[in-house]
Amino acid sequence: MPVLSDDRRRVAETILARYPAGRERSAVLPLLYLVQSVEGRLTQDGLREVGELLGITTAEVEAVASFYTMLRLRPTGTHVVSVCTNLSCALRGAGDVFEAAHAAAEIEQGEETSADGMVTVHEEECLGACDAAPVVQVDFANHDRVTAQRMVELVEALRSGRVPEPSRGRAPKDFRDASRILAGVEESA
């Protein structure tokens, strides 16, 4: 069964039309986000479909997908919490923030996703907002100067169905919504 429905395939064609002839493979990231918005992650079937759309191998698509940490190859929760643990954030308590996220989401040791499937928590190398350390992203929306207590509040909000307001910009509804926005094909409703 195809990952992209007929409607989503038309969206993929719209994305491809943005690129000049001979440069279609440049659409790989938006197409991967589109597939991720459907599945909540990238499966082999999704990677294969992107390759077919672009006329490249599944291996080439997977090489791109595995390089970027914002593209998920493993199952994810409804919400994805990325905790920066790079030097600036680490020096300002990111380790405690990461541990608080795991505890609040009740994630088992060695796992990334809560048993209820609501929250995935993972470490991120750098979120590019060192001046606001420690930084956390919830579905790609930045939350600045997050303390362990604030992290608990963020996870509790997510688990209760509320989307916390980010430090700047607008919060997507969930991880799939964020992926749709990043594909560049539709706004958050």
N, C-alpha and C. Protein backbone atom coordinates (compact mmCIF):
# COMPACT_ATOMS: atom_id res chain seq x y z
N MET A 1 0.85 -1.18 0.00
CA MET A 1 0.00 0.00 0.00
C MET A 1 0.90 1.25 0.00
N PRO A 2 0.62 2.18 -0.87
CA PRO A 2 1.46 3.38 -0.93
C PRO A 2 1.34 4.23 0.33
N VAL A 3 2.42 4.90 0.67
CA VAL A 3 2.43 5.81 1.82
C VAL A 3 1.66 7.07 1.47
N LEU A 4 1.91 7.60 0.29
CA LEU A 4 1.25 8.84 -0.13
C LEU A 4 -0.06 8.54 -0.84
N SER A 5 -1.13 9.07 -0.29
CA SER A 5 -2.44 8.96 -0.93
C SER A 5 -2.41 9.73 -2.24
N ASP A 6 -3.46 9.61 -3.04
CA ASP A 6 -3.54 10.38 -4.29
C ASP A 6 -3.43 11.87 -4.02
N ASP A 7 -4.10 12.34 -2.96
CA ASP A 7 -4.02 13.77 -2.62
C ASP A 7 -2.60 14.17 -2.26
N ARG A 8 -1.93 13.36 -1.46
CA ARG A 8 -0.56 13.68 -1.04
C ARG A 8 0.41 13.56 -2.23
N ARG A 9 0.11 12.66 -3.14
CA ARG A 9 0.96 12.54 -4.34
C ARG A 9 0.84 13.81 -5.19
N ARG A 10 -0.36 14.38 -5.25
CA ARG A 10 -0.53 15.66 -5.96
C ARG A 10 0.26 16.77 -5.26
N VAL A 11 0.29 16.74 -3.93
CA VAL A 11 1.09 17.70 -3.18
C VAL A 11 2.57 17.50 -3.52
N ALA A 12 3.00 16.25 -3.60
CA ALA A 12 4.39 15.96 -3.96
C ALA A 12 4.71 16.53 -5.35
N GLU A 13 3.78 16.39 -6.28
CA GLU A 13 3.99 16.94 -7.62
C GLU A 13 4.10 18.46 -7.58
N THR A 14 3.34 19.10 -6.68
CA THR A 14 3.43 20.56 -6.51
C THR A 14 4.82 20.94 -6.00
N ILE A 15 5.32 20.16 -5.06
CA ILE A 15 6.68 20.41 -4.54
C ILE A 15 7.70 20.27 -5.67
N LEU A 16 7.60 19.20 -6.43
CA LEU A 16 8.55 18.96 -7.52
C LEU A 16 8.52 20.08 -8.56
N ALA A 17 7.33 20.65 -8.78
CA ALA A 17 7.19 21.71 -9.79
C ALA A 17 7.94 22.98 -9.40
N ARG A 18 8.33 23.12 -8.17
CA ARG A 18 9.08 24.30 -7.71
C ARG A 18 10.53 24.29 -8.18
N TYR A 19 11.00 23.15 -8.64
CA TYR A 19 12.41 22.99 -8.98
C TYR A 19 12.59 22.94 -10.48
N PRO A 20 13.67 23.54 -10.99
CA PRO A 20 13.92 23.53 -12.44
C PRO A 20 14.15 22.11 -12.96
N ALA A 21 13.87 21.91 -14.23
CA ALA A 21 14.11 20.62 -14.87
C ALA A 21 15.56 20.22 -14.65
N GLY A 22 15.76 18.98 -14.29
CA GLY A 22 17.09 18.47 -14.02
C GLY A 22 17.56 18.69 -12.59
N ARG A 23 16.81 19.45 -11.81
CA ARG A 23 17.18 19.73 -10.41
C ARG A 23 16.15 19.19 -9.42
N GLU A 24 15.31 18.28 -9.88
CA GLU A 24 14.23 17.76 -9.04
C GLU A 24 14.73 17.11 -7.76
N ARG A 25 15.92 16.51 -7.82
CA ARG A 25 16.42 15.83 -6.61
C ARG A 25 16.64 16.80 -5.45
N SER A 26 16.68 18.09 -5.75
CA SER A 26 16.78 19.11 -4.69
C SER A 26 15.54 19.13 -3.81
N ALA A 27 14.48 18.48 -4.25
CA ALA A 27 13.22 18.43 -3.49
C ALA A 27 13.23 17.31 -2.45
N VAL A 28 14.37 16.65 -2.27
CA VAL A 28 14.40 15.50 -1.38
C VAL A 28 13.96 15.85 0.04
N LEU A 29 14.43 16.94 0.62
CA LEU A 29 14.04 17.28 2.00
C LEU A 29 12.55 17.60 2.13
N PRO A 30 12.00 18.47 1.28
CA PRO A 30 10.55 18.71 1.41
C PRO A 30 9.73 17.42 1.21
N LEU A 31 10.14 16.57 0.31
CA LEU A 31 9.40 15.32 0.10
C LEU A 31 9.53 14.39 1.30
N LEU A 32 10.70 14.35 1.91
CA LEU A 32 10.86 13.53 3.12
C LEU A 32 9.98 14.07 4.25
N TYR A 33 9.91 15.39 4.39
CA TYR A 33 9.02 15.96 5.40
C TYR A 33 7.56 15.62 5.09
N LEU A 34 7.20 15.64 3.82
CA LEU A 34 5.83 15.30 3.44
C LEU A 34 5.50 13.86 3.85
N VAL A 35 6.38 12.93 3.54
CA VAL A 35 6.17 11.53 3.93
C VAL A 35 6.14 11.41 5.45
N GLN A 36 7.04 12.10 6.13
CA GLN A 36 7.07 12.05 7.59
C GLN A 36 5.77 12.59 8.18
N SER A 37 5.15 13.56 7.53
CA SER A 37 3.89 14.11 8.02
C SER A 37 2.76 13.10 7.93
N VAL A 38 2.89 12.15 7.04
CA VAL A 38 1.87 11.11 6.87
C VAL A 38 2.09 9.99 7.87
N GLU A 39 3.33 9.53 7.99
CA GLU A 39 3.64 8.36 8.80
C GLU A 39 4.12 8.66 10.22
N GLY A 40 4.53 9.90 10.46
CA GLY A 40 5.12 10.23 11.75
C GLY A 40 6.57 9.81 11.84
N ARG A 41 7.07 9.22 10.78
CA ARG A 41 8.46 8.80 10.64
C ARG A 41 8.68 8.41 9.19
N LEU A 42 9.88 7.99 8.87
CA LEU A 42 10.20 7.57 7.50
C LEU A 42 10.43 6.06 7.49
N THR A 43 9.55 5.35 6.81
CA THR A 43 9.69 3.90 6.66
C THR A 43 10.38 3.61 5.33
N GLN A 44 10.76 2.37 5.14
CA GLN A 44 11.37 1.97 3.87
C GLN A 44 10.43 2.23 2.70
N ASP A 45 9.13 2.00 2.91
CA ASP A 45 8.16 2.27 1.83
C ASP A 45 8.14 3.76 1.49
N GLY A 46 8.18 4.60 2.51
CA GLY A 46 8.20 6.05 2.28
C GLY A 46 9.46 6.50 1.57
N LEU A 47 10.60 5.96 2.00
CA LEU A 47 11.87 6.30 1.36
C LEU A 47 11.86 5.86 -0.11
N ARG A 48 11.30 4.68 -0.37
CA ARG A 48 11.23 4.17 -1.73
C ARG A 48 10.36 5.08 -2.61
N GLU A 49 9.22 5.53 -2.05
CA GLU A 49 8.34 6.42 -2.83
C GLU A 49 9.03 7.74 -3.17
N VAL A 50 9.77 8.28 -2.22
CA VAL A 50 10.51 9.52 -2.50
C VAL A 50 11.52 9.27 -3.61
N GLY A 51 12.23 8.15 -3.53
CA GLY A 51 13.19 7.80 -4.58
C GLY A 51 12.53 7.69 -5.94
N GLU A 52 11.36 7.07 -5.98
CA GLU A 52 10.64 6.93 -7.26
C GLU A 52 10.24 8.30 -7.81
N LEU A 53 9.77 9.17 -6.93
CA LEU A 53 9.38 10.52 -7.37
C LEU A 53 10.56 11.29 -7.94
N LEU A 54 11.74 11.06 -7.38
CA LEU A 54 12.92 11.82 -7.77
C LEU A 54 13.79 11.11 -8.81
N GLY A 55 13.49 9.84 -9.05
CA GLY A 55 14.31 9.09 -9.99
C GLY A 55 15.68 8.75 -9.43
N ILE A 56 15.76 8.54 -8.12
CA ILE A 56 17.01 8.15 -7.48
C ILE A 56 16.75 6.90 -6.65
N THR A 57 17.81 6.26 -6.20
CA THR A 57 17.65 5.01 -5.45
C THR A 57 17.17 5.27 -4.02
N THR A 58 16.59 4.24 -3.46
CA THR A 58 16.18 4.30 -2.06
C THR A 58 17.39 4.54 -1.17
N ALA A 59 18.52 3.97 -1.54
CA ALA A 59 19.75 4.15 -0.75
C ALA A 59 20.17 5.61 -0.72
N GLU A 60 20.05 6.30 -1.85
CA GLU A 60 20.40 7.72 -1.89
C GLU A 60 19.47 8.54 -0.99
N VAL A 61 18.19 8.19 -1.01
CA VAL A 61 17.21 8.89 -0.16
C VAL A 61 17.51 8.60 1.30
N GLU A 62 17.78 7.36 1.62
CA GLU A 62 18.08 6.99 3.01
C GLU A 62 19.36 7.66 3.50
N ALA A 63 20.33 7.86 2.62
CA ALA A 63 21.57 8.56 3.01
C ALA A 63 21.25 9.97 3.48
N VAL A 64 20.34 10.64 2.79
CA VAL A 64 19.93 11.99 3.19
C VAL A 64 19.15 11.92 4.50
N ALA A 65 18.18 11.01 4.56
CA ALA A 65 17.31 10.90 5.73
C ALA A 65 18.09 10.56 7.00
N SER A 66 19.10 9.73 6.86
CA SER A 66 19.86 9.32 8.05
C SER A 66 20.86 10.39 8.50
N PHE A 67 21.13 11.36 7.65
CA PHE A 67 22.07 12.42 7.99
C PHE A 67 21.43 13.47 8.90
N TYR A 68 20.16 13.77 8.68
CA TYR A 68 19.47 14.85 9.39
C TYR A 68 18.70 14.30 10.59
N THR A 69 18.98 14.85 11.77
CA THR A 69 18.33 14.34 12.99
C THR A 69 16.86 14.73 13.07
N MET A 70 16.42 15.71 12.29
CA MET A 70 15.01 16.10 12.34
C MET A 70 14.14 15.17 11.50
N LEU A 71 14.77 14.29 10.77
CA LEU A 71 14.06 13.25 10.03
C LEU A 71 14.16 11.97 10.84
N ARG A 72 13.02 11.40 11.14
CA ARG A 72 12.98 10.26 12.06
C ARG A 72 12.78 8.96 11.31
N LEU A 73 13.71 8.03 11.50
CA LEU A 73 13.63 6.71 10.88
C LEU A 73 13.02 5.68 11.82
N ARG A 74 12.87 6.04 13.08
CA ARG A 74 12.27 5.14 14.07
C ARG A 74 10.88 5.67 14.46
N PRO A 75 10.04 4.81 15.00
CA PRO A 75 8.73 5.29 15.44
C PRO A 75 8.87 6.44 16.44
N THR A 76 7.96 7.39 16.36
CA THR A 76 7.99 8.55 17.25
C THR A 76 6.64 8.71 17.92
N GLY A 77 6.66 9.47 18.99
CA GLY A 77 5.42 9.79 19.67
C GLY A 77 4.67 10.88 18.92
N THR A 78 3.52 11.21 19.44
CA THR A 78 2.72 12.29 18.87
C THR A 78 3.51 13.59 18.88
N HIS A 79 4.28 13.79 19.94
CA HIS A 79 5.13 14.97 20.08
C HIS A 79 6.58 14.54 20.23
N VAL A 80 7.49 15.32 19.62
CA VAL A 80 8.92 15.04 19.72
C VAL A 80 9.59 16.19 20.46
N VAL A 81 10.26 15.84 21.55
CA VAL A 81 10.98 16.80 22.37
C VAL A 81 12.47 16.59 22.14
N SER A 82 13.13 17.62 21.63
CA SER A 82 14.57 17.56 21.37
C SER A 82 15.27 18.44 22.39
N VAL A 83 16.16 17.86 23.16
CA VAL A 83 16.89 18.59 24.18
C VAL A 83 18.32 18.79 23.71
N CYS A 84 18.73 20.04 23.54
CA CYS A 84 20.11 20.33 23.15
C CYS A 84 21.01 19.99 24.33
N THR A 85 22.04 19.20 24.03
CA THR A 85 23.00 18.85 25.08
C THR A 85 24.41 19.25 24.68
N ASN A 86 24.52 20.16 23.72
CA ASN A 86 25.82 20.67 23.31
C ASN A 86 26.41 21.52 24.44
N LEU A 87 27.61 22.00 24.28
CA LEU A 87 28.36 22.62 25.37
C LEU A 87 27.61 23.75 26.08
N SER A 88 27.12 24.73 25.36
CA SER A 88 26.44 25.87 26.01
C SER A 88 25.25 25.40 26.84
N CYS A 89 24.46 24.51 26.25
CA CYS A 89 23.28 24.02 26.99
C CYS A 89 23.70 23.10 28.14
N ALA A 90 24.72 22.27 27.91
CA ALA A 90 25.19 21.36 28.95
C ALA A 90 25.68 22.14 30.17
N LEU A 91 26.41 23.22 29.92
CA LEU A 91 26.92 24.02 31.03
C LEU A 91 25.82 24.72 31.81
N ARG A 92 24.65 24.86 31.18
CA ARG A 92 23.53 25.54 31.85
C ARG A 92 22.46 24.56 32.32
N GLY A 93 22.78 23.27 32.39
CA GLY A 93 21.87 22.31 33.01
C GLY A 93 21.07 21.43 32.08
N ALA A 94 21.49 21.27 30.83
CA ALA A 94 20.74 20.45 29.88
C ALA A 94 20.62 18.99 30.31
N GLY A 95 21.63 18.49 31.00
CA GLY A 95 21.56 17.10 31.48
C GLY A 95 20.38 16.90 32.41
N ASP A 96 20.18 17.85 33.33
CA ASP A 96 19.03 17.77 34.25
C ASP A 96 17.71 17.93 33.50
N VAL A 97 17.70 18.78 32.49
CA VAL A 97 16.50 18.99 31.66
C VAL A 97 16.15 17.70 30.93
N PHE A 98 17.16 17.05 30.35
CA PHE A 98 16.95 15.80 29.62
C PHE A 98 16.41 14.72 30.56
N GLU A 99 17.01 14.59 31.73
CA GLU A 99 16.55 13.60 32.72
C GLU A 99 15.12 13.90 33.16
N ALA A 100 14.81 15.18 33.36
CA ALA A 100 13.45 15.57 33.77
C ALA A 100 12.44 15.24 32.68
N ALA A 101 12.82 15.41 31.42
CA ALA A 101 11.92 15.07 30.31
C ALA A 101 11.62 13.58 30.31
N HIS A 102 12.65 12.77 30.45
CA HIS A 102 12.47 11.32 30.49
C HIS A 102 11.58 10.90 31.65
N ALA A 103 11.84 11.47 32.81
CA ALA A 103 11.05 11.11 34.00
C ALA A 103 9.60 11.55 33.84
N ALA A 104 9.38 12.77 33.39
CA ALA A 104 8.00 13.28 33.26
C ALA A 104 7.21 12.51 32.21
N ALA A 105 7.89 12.07 31.15
CA ALA A 105 7.21 11.30 30.11
C ALA A 105 7.11 9.82 30.45
N GLU A 106 7.73 9.44 31.57
CA GLU A 106 7.74 8.04 32.02
C GLU A 106 8.32 7.12 30.95
N ILE A 107 9.46 7.53 30.42
CA ILE A 107 10.13 6.76 29.39
C ILE A 107 11.10 5.79 30.05
N GLU A 108 11.02 4.54 29.64
CA GLU A 108 11.86 3.50 30.19
C GLU A 108 13.33 3.74 29.84
N GLN A 109 14.22 3.27 30.69
CA GLN A 109 15.66 3.38 30.45
C GLN A 109 16.00 2.78 29.09
N GLY A 110 16.78 3.50 28.30
CA GLY A 110 17.19 3.02 26.99
C GLY A 110 16.19 3.24 25.88
N GLU A 111 15.03 3.78 26.20
CA GLU A 111 14.00 4.05 25.19
C GLU A 111 13.92 5.54 24.91
N GLU A 112 13.23 5.91 23.84
CA GLU A 112 13.03 7.31 23.49
C GLU A 112 11.58 7.75 23.60
N THR A 113 10.66 6.80 23.54
CA THR A 113 9.24 7.14 23.46
C THR A 113 8.47 6.57 24.65
N SER A 114 7.55 7.37 25.16
CA SER A 114 6.73 6.94 26.29
C SER A 114 5.83 5.77 25.88
N ALA A 115 5.45 4.95 26.86
CA ALA A 115 4.62 3.77 26.60
C ALA A 115 3.27 4.14 25.98
N ASP A 116 2.76 5.34 26.32
CA ASP A 116 1.47 5.76 25.76
C ASP A 116 1.60 6.34 24.35
N GLY A 117 2.84 6.45 23.85
CA GLY A 117 3.07 6.96 22.50
C GLY A 117 2.89 8.45 22.34
N MET A 118 2.76 9.16 23.44
CA MET A 118 2.53 10.61 23.35
C MET A 118 3.81 11.41 23.13
N VAL A 119 4.92 11.00 23.75
CA VAL A 119 6.12 11.84 23.75
C VAL A 119 7.37 11.02 23.43
N THR A 120 8.14 11.54 22.48
CA THR A 120 9.48 11.02 22.21
C THR A 120 10.46 12.08 22.67
N VAL A 121 11.48 11.67 23.42
CA VAL A 121 12.51 12.58 23.91
C VAL A 121 13.85 12.09 23.40
N HIS A 122 14.62 13.00 22.82
CA HIS A 122 15.96 12.63 22.38
C HIS A 122 16.91 13.82 22.53
N GLU A 123 18.19 13.49 22.59
CA GLU A 123 19.22 14.52 22.67
C GLU A 123 19.49 15.06 21.28
N GLU A 124 19.73 16.36 21.21
CA GLU A 124 20.07 17.02 19.95
C GLU A 124 21.43 17.66 20.12
N GLU A 125 22.25 17.59 19.10
CA GLU A 125 23.61 18.13 19.18
C GLU A 125 23.61 19.64 19.37
N CYS A 126 22.88 20.38 18.56
CA CYS A 126 22.82 21.84 18.70
C CYS A 126 21.56 22.35 18.02
N LEU A 127 20.86 23.23 18.68
CA LEU A 127 19.65 23.82 18.12
C LEU A 127 19.87 25.25 17.67
N GLY A 128 21.10 25.71 17.73
CA GLY A 128 21.45 27.02 17.19
C GLY A 128 20.91 28.21 17.96
N ALA A 129 20.67 28.05 19.23
CA ALA A 129 20.18 29.16 20.06
C ALA A 129 20.96 29.19 21.37
N CYS A 130 22.27 29.14 21.26
CA CYS A 130 23.15 29.04 22.43
C CYS A 130 22.94 30.18 23.43
N ASP A 131 22.55 31.33 22.95
CA ASP A 131 22.34 32.47 23.85
C ASP A 131 21.14 32.25 24.77
N ALA A 132 20.30 31.29 24.46
CA ALA A 132 19.10 31.03 25.26
C ALA A 132 19.16 29.67 25.95
N ALA A 133 20.36 29.18 26.17
CA ALA A 133 20.56 27.85 26.74
C ALA A 133 20.00 27.74 28.16
N PRO A 134 19.56 26.54 28.52
CA PRO A 134 19.36 25.37 27.69
C PRO A 134 18.10 25.49 26.83
N VAL A 135 18.21 24.99 25.60
CA VAL A 135 17.13 25.10 24.63
C VAL A 135 16.53 23.72 24.38
N VAL A 136 15.20 23.72 24.27
CA VAL A 136 14.45 22.51 23.97
C VAL A 136 13.53 22.84 22.80
N GLN A 137 13.38 21.89 21.89
CA GLN A 137 12.37 22.04 20.85
C GLN A 137 11.26 21.05 21.11
N VAL A 138 10.03 21.54 20.99
CA VAL A 138 8.85 20.69 21.03
C VAL A 138 8.25 20.75 19.64
N ASP A 139 8.33 19.64 18.92
CA ASP A 139 7.85 19.59 17.54
C ASP A 139 8.46 20.72 16.71
N PHE A 140 9.75 20.92 16.85
CA PHE A 140 10.57 21.90 16.13
C PHE A 140 10.37 23.34 16.58
N ALA A 141 9.56 23.61 17.57
CA ALA A 141 9.37 24.98 18.08
C ALA A 141 10.25 25.17 19.31
N ASN A 142 11.05 26.24 19.32
CA ASN A 142 12.02 26.47 20.40
C ASN A 142 11.38 26.96 21.70
N HIS A 143 11.92 26.41 22.79
CA HIS A 143 11.61 26.86 24.15
C HIS A 143 12.96 27.19 24.78
N ASP A 144 13.12 28.43 25.17
CA ASP A 144 14.40 28.94 25.65
C ASP A 144 14.52 28.88 27.17
N ARG A 145 15.78 28.80 27.62
CA ARG A 145 16.13 28.83 29.05
C ARG A 145 15.25 27.88 29.88
N VAL A 146 15.17 26.65 29.41
CA VAL A 146 14.30 25.66 30.05
C VAL A 146 15.01 25.06 31.26
N THR A 147 14.34 25.09 32.37
CA THR A 147 14.83 24.45 33.59
C THR A 147 14.23 23.05 33.67
N ALA A 148 14.72 22.25 34.59
CA ALA A 148 14.15 20.92 34.79
C ALA A 148 12.67 21.02 35.14
N GLN A 149 12.31 21.97 36.00
CA GLN A 149 10.90 22.15 36.39
C GLN A 149 10.05 22.56 35.18
N ARG A 150 10.56 23.47 34.36
CA ARG A 150 9.83 23.89 33.16
C ARG A 150 9.68 22.72 32.19
N MET A 151 10.68 21.86 32.12
CA MET A 151 10.60 20.69 31.25
C MET A 151 9.47 19.78 31.69
N VAL A 152 9.34 19.58 32.99
CA VAL A 152 8.25 18.77 33.52
C VAL A 152 6.90 19.38 33.11
N GLU A 153 6.78 20.69 33.24
CA GLU A 153 5.54 21.38 32.85
C GLU A 153 5.25 21.21 31.36
N LEU A 154 6.27 21.30 30.52
CA LEU A 154 6.08 21.12 29.08
C LEU A 154 5.57 19.71 28.76
N VAL A 155 6.21 18.70 29.35
CA VAL A 155 5.81 17.32 29.09
C VAL A 155 4.40 17.07 29.63
N GLU A 156 4.10 17.58 30.80
CA GLU A 156 2.74 17.40 31.35
C GLU A 156 1.70 18.04 30.45
N ALA A 157 2.00 19.21 29.89
CA ALA A 157 1.08 19.86 28.95
C ALA A 157 0.86 18.98 27.74
N LEU A 158 1.93 18.46 27.16
CA LEU A 158 1.81 17.61 25.98
C LEU A 158 0.99 16.36 26.27
N ARG A 159 1.24 15.74 27.40
CA ARG A 159 0.53 14.50 27.75
C ARG A 159 -0.94 14.75 28.05
N SER A 160 -1.29 16.00 28.41
CA SER A 160 -2.69 16.31 28.67
C SER A 160 -3.39 16.88 27.45
N GLY A 161 -2.69 16.92 26.31
CA GLY A 161 -3.31 17.38 25.07
C GLY A 161 -3.15 18.86 24.77
N ARG A 162 -2.40 19.57 25.60
CA ARG A 162 -2.17 21.00 25.35
C ARG A 162 -0.84 21.18 24.64
N VAL A 163 -0.80 22.14 23.75
CA VAL A 163 0.46 22.46 23.05
C VAL A 163 1.01 23.74 23.68
N PRO A 164 2.16 23.65 24.35
CA PRO A 164 2.73 24.83 25.01
C PRO A 164 3.22 25.86 23.99
N GLU A 165 3.04 27.13 24.33
CA GLU A 165 3.51 28.21 23.46
C GLU A 165 5.04 28.25 23.46
N PRO A 166 5.63 28.32 22.28
CA PRO A 166 7.10 28.40 22.21
C PRO A 166 7.59 29.80 22.57
N SER A 167 8.89 29.93 22.69
CA SER A 167 9.49 31.22 23.02
C SER A 167 9.29 32.24 21.92
N ARG A 168 9.19 31.78 20.71
CA ARG A 168 8.92 32.68 19.57
C ARG A 168 8.20 31.87 18.50
N GLY A 169 7.46 32.56 17.68
CA GLY A 169 6.74 31.87 16.60
C GLY A 169 5.49 31.19 17.09
N ARG A 170 4.97 30.34 16.25
CA ARG A 170 3.73 29.63 16.53
C ARG A 170 4.01 28.15 16.72
N ALA A 171 3.32 27.53 17.62
CA ALA A 171 3.51 26.11 17.90
C ALA A 171 2.68 25.26 16.95
N PRO A 172 3.30 24.26 16.32
CA PRO A 172 2.50 23.31 15.54
C PRO A 172 1.68 22.44 16.48
N LYS A 173 0.64 21.82 15.95
CA LYS A 173 -0.24 20.97 16.77
C LYS A 173 0.48 19.74 17.30
N ASP A 174 1.35 19.17 16.46
CA ASP A 174 2.09 17.97 16.83
C ASP A 174 3.23 17.76 15.84
N PHE A 175 3.94 16.65 15.96
CA PHE A 175 5.10 16.39 15.12
C PHE A 175 4.73 16.27 13.65
N ARG A 176 3.63 15.62 13.35
CA ARG A 176 3.21 15.48 11.95
C ARG A 176 2.84 16.84 11.36
N ASP A 177 2.18 17.67 12.13
CA ASP A 177 1.83 19.02 11.68
C ASP A 177 3.10 19.82 11.40
N ALA A 178 4.07 19.70 12.28
CA ALA A 178 5.35 20.40 12.07
C ALA A 178 6.01 19.92 10.78
N SER A 179 5.94 18.63 10.51
CA SER A 179 6.54 18.09 9.29
C SER A 179 5.82 18.61 8.05
N ARG A 180 4.49 18.75 8.11
CA ARG A 180 3.74 19.31 6.98
C ARG A 180 4.18 20.75 6.71
N ILE A 181 4.34 21.52 7.77
CA ILE A 181 4.77 22.92 7.63
C ILE A 181 6.17 22.96 7.01
N LEU A 182 7.07 22.10 7.49
CA LEU A 182 8.44 22.08 6.98
C LEU A 182 8.51 21.59 5.53
N ALA A 183 7.52 20.80 5.11
CA ALA A 183 7.47 20.39 3.70
C ALA A 183 7.13 21.58 2.81
N GLY A 184 6.57 22.63 3.41
CA GLY A 184 6.28 23.85 2.67
C GLY A 184 5.02 23.77 1.83
N VAL A 185 4.09 22.92 2.24
CA VAL A 185 2.89 22.75 1.41
C VAL A 185 1.61 23.23 2.05
N GLU A 186 1.62 23.43 3.35
CA GLU A 186 0.41 23.92 3.99
C GLU A 186 0.73 24.53 5.34
N GLU A 187 -0.13 25.41 5.76
CA GLU A 187 0.03 26.06 7.06
C GLU A 187 -0.61 25.22 8.15
N SER A 188 -0.20 25.43 9.37
CA SER A 188 -0.82 24.80 10.51
C SER A 188 -2.24 25.35 10.65
N ALA A 189 -3.17 24.45 10.88
CA ALA A 189 -4.57 24.87 11.02
C ALA A 189 -4.87 25.35 12.41
